[in-house]
Amino acid sequence: IPVIIRAVDILKNDDGVVGAVSEQFMRLGHPELAKTVREDLNAGAYFVGVDRFSELNSLDDKLLVSERVELFAAEFHNVRLAVAARPVEFLTPKFLSTFYHYSIDDFTDSQTVSLIKRWTGESTAFADVAQKMVLRLREALQLPGSPIPATIGVMLHEEQGKYVTNT
């Protein structure tokens, strides 16, 4: 089950990642999951996504959160864990050095077309809708190169017959 927490929640919580996950369950109105969080983490029941690492204000805060995330990863080997940050955070490996680091770039036109074709199959009508959405998104400078809104738009068009441009 995916659980997304903010890096600042790890910073504020003395119990680190575990505490932040538990607090997230409480915020979502699931106190029963908060009570069994350690057992469930040991069983590998969650994919934990840590978001907004780059929004931590100081180097000390980033180092503390990095340390807490690495300790969590060492304790709970069965949990899949990803930390999202801006690329500048990892140009020099001072944070999360035990993790693999990936950089996600904008999709090229050929990658976008390829993904759209996978979702639309041989349907020229749906492919046309998706291509128009990608073009409009790029013109509006919203999520340049991302096929995700186009894919959502195609799915909505397929379901509802509407051409939604501000998804």
C-alpha atoms as a PDB file:
ATOM      1  CA  ILE A   1       0.000   0.000   0.000  1.00  0.00           C
ATOM      2  CA  PRO A   2       1.530   3.372  -0.925  1.00  0.00           C
ATOM      3  CA  VAL A   3       1.978   5.898   1.874  1.00  0.00           C
ATOM      4  CA  ILE A   4       3.284   9.375   1.085  1.00  0.00           C
ATOM      5  CA  ILE A   5       4.787  11.429   3.884  1.00  0.00           C
ATOM      6  CA  ARG A   6       6.550  14.790   3.911  1.00  0.00           C
ATOM      7  CA  ALA A   7      10.199  15.106   4.857  1.00  0.00           C
ATOM      8  CA  VAL A   8       9.301  17.787   7.416  1.00  0.00           C
ATOM      9  CA  ASP A   9       7.110  15.232   9.223  1.00  0.00           C
ATOM     10  CA  ILE A  10      10.155  12.974   9.629  1.00  0.00           C
ATOM     11  CA  LEU A  11      12.102  15.937  10.961  1.00  0.00           C
ATOM     12  CA  LYS A  12       9.452  16.837  13.542  1.00  0.00           C
ATOM     13  CA  ASN A  13       8.853  13.297  14.742  1.00  0.00           C
ATOM     14  CA  ASP A  14      11.226  11.739  17.277  1.00  0.00           C
ATOM     15  CA  ASP A  15      10.281   8.317  15.903  1.00  0.00           C
ATOM     16  CA  GLY A  16      11.452   9.356  12.421  1.00  0.00           C
ATOM     17  CA  VAL A  17       9.876   7.686   9.408  1.00  0.00           C
ATOM     18  CA  VAL A  18       7.821   5.245  11.500  1.00  0.00           C
ATOM     19  CA  GLY A  19       6.305   8.097  13.481  1.00  0.00           C
ATOM     20  CA  ALA A  20       5.604  10.112  10.344  1.00  0.00           C
ATOM     21  CA  VAL A  21       3.838   7.128   8.734  1.00  0.00           C
ATOM     22  CA  SER A  22       1.822   6.601  11.895  1.00  0.00           C
ATOM     23  CA  GLU A  23       0.851  10.287  11.999  1.00  0.00           C
ATOM     24  CA  GLN A  24      -0.194  10.132   8.350  1.00  0.00           C
ATOM     25  CA  PHE A  25      -2.572   7.266   9.121  1.00  0.00           C
ATOM     26  CA  MET A  26      -4.043   9.306  11.974  1.00  0.00           C
ATOM     27  CA  ARG A  27      -4.522  12.313   9.652  1.00  0.00           C
ATOM     28  CA  LEU A  28      -6.251  10.055   7.141  1.00  0.00           C
ATOM     29  CA  GLY A  29      -8.615   8.790   9.833  1.00  0.00           C
ATOM     30  CA  HIS A  30      -7.192   5.270  10.235  1.00  0.00           C
ATOM     31  CA  PRO A  31      -5.990   4.975  13.841  1.00  0.00           C
ATOM     32  CA  GLU A  32      -6.128   1.162  13.593  1.00  0.00           C
ATOM     33  CA  LEU A  33      -3.328   1.259  10.993  1.00  0.00           C
ATOM     34  CA  ALA A  34      -1.323   3.652  13.152  1.00  0.00           C
ATOM     35  CA  LYS A  35      -1.393   1.119  15.999  1.00  0.00           C
ATOM     36  CA  THR A  36       0.036  -1.715  13.886  1.00  0.00           C
ATOM     37  CA  VAL A  37       2.442   0.315  11.775  1.00  0.00           C
ATOM     38  CA  ARG A  38       5.640  -1.400  13.007  1.00  0.00           C
ATOM     39  CA  GLU A  39       4.231  -4.890  12.424  1.00  0.00           C
ATOM     40  CA  ASP A  40       2.971  -3.920   8.984  1.00  0.00           C
ATOM     41  CA  LEU A  41       6.286  -2.303   8.059  1.00  0.00           C
ATOM     42  CA  ASN A  42       8.155  -5.442   9.161  1.00  0.00           C
ATOM     43  CA  ALA A  43       5.843  -7.457   6.917  1.00  0.00           C
ATOM     44  CA  GLY A  44       6.654  -5.168   3.977  1.00  0.00           C
ATOM     45  CA  ALA A  45       3.037  -4.064   3.602  1.00  0.00           C
ATOM     46  CA  TYR A  46       3.839  -0.490   2.514  1.00  0.00           C
ATOM     47  CA  PHE A  47       5.604   1.488  -0.147  1.00  0.00           C
ATOM     48  CA  VAL A  48       6.777   4.639   1.613  1.00  0.00           C
ATOM     49  CA  GLY A  49       7.263   7.761  -0.466  1.00  0.00           C
ATOM     50  CA  VAL A  50       9.028  10.693   1.175  1.00  0.00           C
ATOM     51  CA  ASP A  51       8.145  13.945  -0.564  1.00  0.00           C
ATOM     52  CA  ARG A  52       9.452  17.516  -0.360  1.00  0.00           C
ATOM     53  CA  PHE A  53      12.985  16.734   0.795  1.00  0.00           C
ATOM     54  CA  SER A  54      14.182  19.867  -1.031  1.00  0.00           C
ATOM     55  CA  GLU A  55      11.835  22.042   1.020  1.00  0.00           C
ATOM     56  CA  LEU A  56      13.781  21.422   4.216  1.00  0.00           C
ATOM     57  CA  ASN A  57      15.376  24.733   5.124  1.00  0.00           C
ATOM     58  CA  SER A  58      18.791  23.937   6.525  1.00  0.00           C
ATOM     59  CA  LEU A  59      21.635  21.579   5.760  1.00  0.00           C
ATOM     60  CA  ASP A  60      21.345  20.197   9.304  1.00  0.00           C
ATOM     61  CA  ASP A  61      17.654  19.398   8.764  1.00  0.00           C
ATOM     62  CA  LYS A  62      18.429  17.633   5.487  1.00  0.00           C
ATOM     63  CA  LEU A  63      21.230  15.637   7.088  1.00  0.00           C
ATOM     64  CA  LEU A  64      18.997  14.600  10.011  1.00  0.00           C
ATOM     65  CA  VAL A  65      16.148  13.494   7.727  1.00  0.00           C
ATOM     66  CA  SER A  66      18.631  11.683   5.470  1.00  0.00           C
ATOM     67  CA  GLU A  67      20.037   9.847   8.499  1.00  0.00           C
ATOM     68  CA  ARG A  68      16.564   8.913   9.751  1.00  0.00           C
ATOM     69  CA  VAL A  69      15.532   7.626   6.319  1.00  0.00           C
ATOM     70  CA  GLU A  70      18.696   5.514   6.039  1.00  0.00           C
ATOM     71  CA  LEU A  71      18.139   4.075   9.539  1.00  0.00           C
ATOM     72  CA  PHE A  72      14.550   3.261   8.579  1.00  0.00           C
ATOM     73  CA  ALA A  73      15.698   1.536   5.364  1.00  0.00           C
ATOM     74  CA  ALA A  74      18.227  -0.533   7.330  1.00  0.00           C
ATOM     75  CA  GLU A  75      15.620  -1.626   9.892  1.00  0.00           C
ATOM     76  CA  PHE A  76      12.736  -2.341   7.508  1.00  0.00           C
ATOM     77  CA  HIS A  77      14.363  -4.136   4.547  1.00  0.00           C
ATOM     78  CA  ASN A  78      11.029  -5.337   3.134  1.00  0.00           C
ATOM     79  CA  VAL A  79       9.633  -1.833   2.673  1.00  0.00           C
ATOM     80  CA  ARG A  80      10.083  -0.168  -0.672  1.00  0.00           C
ATOM     81  CA  LEU A  81      11.160   3.403  -0.104  1.00  0.00           C
ATOM     82  CA  ALA A  82      11.589   6.412  -2.388  1.00  0.00           C
ATOM     83  CA  VAL A  83      12.641   9.956  -1.551  1.00  0.00           C
ATOM     84  CA  ALA A  84      11.717  12.782  -3.925  1.00  0.00           C
ATOM     85  CA  ALA A  85      13.935  15.841  -4.187  1.00  0.00           C
ATOM     86  CA  ARG A  86      15.064  18.345  -6.756  1.00  0.00           C
ATOM     87  CA  PRO A  87      18.129  17.210  -8.701  1.00  0.00           C
ATOM     88  CA  VAL A  88      20.328  19.903  -7.132  1.00  0.00           C
ATOM     89  CA  GLU A  89      20.123  18.021  -3.808  1.00  0.00           C
ATOM     90  CA  PHE A  90      21.983  15.092  -5.325  1.00  0.00           C
ATOM     91  CA  LEU A  91      24.521  16.720  -7.633  1.00  0.00           C
ATOM     92  CA  THR A  92      27.081  15.946  -4.966  1.00  0.00           C
ATOM     93  CA  PRO A  93      26.273  12.817  -2.942  1.00  0.00           C
ATOM     94  CA  LYS A  94      25.945  14.237   0.562  1.00  0.00           C
ATOM     95  CA  PHE A  95      22.410  12.941   1.239  1.00  0.00           C
ATOM     96  CA  LEU A  96      21.128   9.363   1.179  1.00  0.00           C
ATOM     97  CA  SER A  97      24.415   7.990  -0.087  1.00  0.00           C
ATOM     98  CA  THR A  98      23.274   4.370   0.363  1.00  0.00           C
ATOM     99  CA  PHE A  99      20.354   4.905  -2.042  1.00  0.00           C
ATOM    100  CA  TYR A 100      20.237   4.693  -5.811  1.00  0.00           C
ATOM    101  CA  HIS A 101      19.784   8.157  -7.288  1.00  0.00           C
ATOM    102  CA  TYR A 102      17.649   8.704 -10.387  1.00  0.00           C
ATOM    103  CA  SER A 103      16.891  11.856 -12.298  1.00  0.00           C
ATOM    104  CA  ILE A 104      13.556  12.219 -14.042  1.00  0.00           C
ATOM    105  CA  ASP A 105      13.657  14.423 -17.106  1.00  0.00           C
ATOM    106  CA  ASP A 106      10.867  15.755 -19.286  1.00  0.00           C
ATOM    107  CA  PHE A 107       9.523  13.231 -21.763  1.00  0.00           C
ATOM    108  CA  THR A 108      10.715  13.710 -25.335  1.00  0.00           C
ATOM    109  CA  ASP A 109       8.150  13.942 -28.123  1.00  0.00           C
ATOM    110  CA  SER A 110       8.871  10.360 -29.193  1.00  0.00           C
ATOM    111  CA  GLN A 111       8.491   9.056 -25.621  1.00  0.00           C
ATOM    112  CA  THR A 112       5.198  10.902 -25.244  1.00  0.00           C
ATOM    113  CA  VAL A 113       3.883   9.527 -28.539  1.00  0.00           C
ATOM    114  CA  SER A 114       5.011   6.026 -27.569  1.00  0.00           C
ATOM    115  CA  LEU A 115       3.195   6.141 -24.226  1.00  0.00           C
ATOM    116  CA  ILE A 116       0.072   7.605 -25.777  1.00  0.00           C
ATOM    117  CA  LYS A 117       0.043   4.821 -28.369  1.00  0.00           C
ATOM    118  CA  ARG A 118       0.273   2.219 -25.620  1.00  0.00           C
ATOM    119  CA  TRP A 119      -2.771   3.650 -23.877  1.00  0.00           C
ATOM    120  CA  THR A 120      -4.830   4.427 -26.950  1.00  0.00           C
ATOM    121  CA  GLY A 121      -4.031   1.295 -28.942  1.00  0.00           C
ATOM    122  CA  GLU A 122      -5.133   1.545 -32.535  1.00  0.00           C
ATOM    123  CA  SER A 123      -7.892   4.071 -31.837  1.00  0.00           C
ATOM    124  CA  THR A 124      -7.240   7.134 -33.980  1.00  0.00           C
ATOM    125  CA  ALA A 125      -9.929   9.103 -32.131  1.00  0.00           C
ATOM    126  CA  PHE A 126      -8.318   8.574 -28.718  1.00  0.00           C
ATOM    127  CA  ALA A 127      -4.809   9.124 -30.093  1.00  0.00           C
ATOM    128  CA  ASP A 128      -5.960  12.419 -31.602  1.00  0.00           C
ATOM    129  CA  VAL A 129      -7.442  13.524 -28.268  1.00  0.00           C
ATOM    130  CA  ALA A 130      -4.220  12.630 -26.441  1.00  0.00           C
ATOM    131  CA  GLN A 131      -1.996  14.395 -28.968  1.00  0.00           C
ATOM    132  CA  LYS A 132      -4.123  17.551 -28.763  1.00  0.00           C
ATOM    133  CA  MET A 133      -3.933  17.470 -24.970  1.00  0.00           C
ATOM    134  CA  VAL A 134      -0.143  17.131 -25.006  1.00  0.00           C
ATOM    135  CA  LEU A 135       0.105  20.022 -27.457  1.00  0.00           C
ATOM    136  CA  ARG A 136      -2.191  22.224 -25.337  1.00  0.00           C
ATOM    137  CA  LEU A 137      -0.331  21.374 -22.139  1.00  0.00           C
ATOM    138  CA  ARG A 138       2.994  22.261 -23.708  1.00  0.00           C
ATOM    139  CA  GLU A 139       1.599  25.499 -25.134  1.00  0.00           C
ATOM    140  CA  ALA A 140       0.263  26.442 -21.703  1.00  0.00           C
ATOM    141  CA  LEU A 141       3.615  25.521 -20.106  1.00  0.00           C
ATOM    142  CA  GLN A 142       1.846  23.095 -17.777  1.00  0.00           C
ATOM    143  CA  LEU A 143       3.809  19.926 -17.066  1.00  0.00           C
ATOM    144  CA  PRO A 144       5.901  20.190 -20.241  1.00  0.00           C
ATOM    145  CA  GLY A 145       6.505  16.858 -21.849  1.00  0.00           C
ATOM    146  CA  SER A 146       4.485  14.877 -19.343  1.00  0.00           C
ATOM    147  CA  PRO A 147       2.154  12.258 -20.788  1.00  0.00           C
ATOM    148  CA  ILE A 148       0.364  11.787 -17.472  1.00  0.00           C
ATOM    149  CA  PRO A 149      -2.333  14.468 -17.968  1.00  0.00           C
ATOM    150  CA  ALA A 150      -2.772  13.293 -21.549  1.00  0.00           C
ATOM    151  CA  THR A 151      -3.283   9.731 -20.364  1.00  0.00           C
ATOM    152  CA  ILE A 152      -5.791  10.873 -17.751  1.00  0.00           C
ATOM    153  CA  GLY A 153      -7.534  12.957 -20.399  1.00  0.00           C
ATOM    154  CA  VAL A 154      -7.785  10.031 -22.784  1.00  0.00           C
ATOM    155  CA  MET A 155      -9.218   7.862 -20.021  1.00  0.00           C
ATOM    156  CA  LEU A 156     -11.777  10.563 -19.129  1.00  0.00           C
ATOM    157  CA  HIS A 157     -12.667  11.028 -22.780  1.00  0.00           C
ATOM    158  CA  GLU A 158     -13.119   7.289 -23.128  1.00  0.00           C
ATOM    159  CA  GLU A 159     -15.330   7.134 -20.021  1.00  0.00           C
ATOM    160  CA  GLN A 160     -17.301  10.375 -20.322  1.00  0.00           C
ATOM    161  CA  GLY A 161     -16.933  11.443 -23.937  1.00  0.00           C
ATOM    162  CA  LYS A 162     -15.637  14.860 -22.776  1.00  0.00           C
ATOM    163  CA  TYR A 163     -12.473  16.619 -23.864  1.00  0.00           C
ATOM    164  CA  VAL A 164     -11.033  17.948 -20.595  1.00  0.00           C
ATOM    165  CA  THR A 165      -8.107  20.344 -20.918  1.00  0.00           C
ATOM    166  CA  ASN A 166      -7.509  21.418 -17.318  1.00  0.00           C
ATOM    167  CA  THR A 167      -7.120  17.992 -15.730  1.00  0.00           C
END
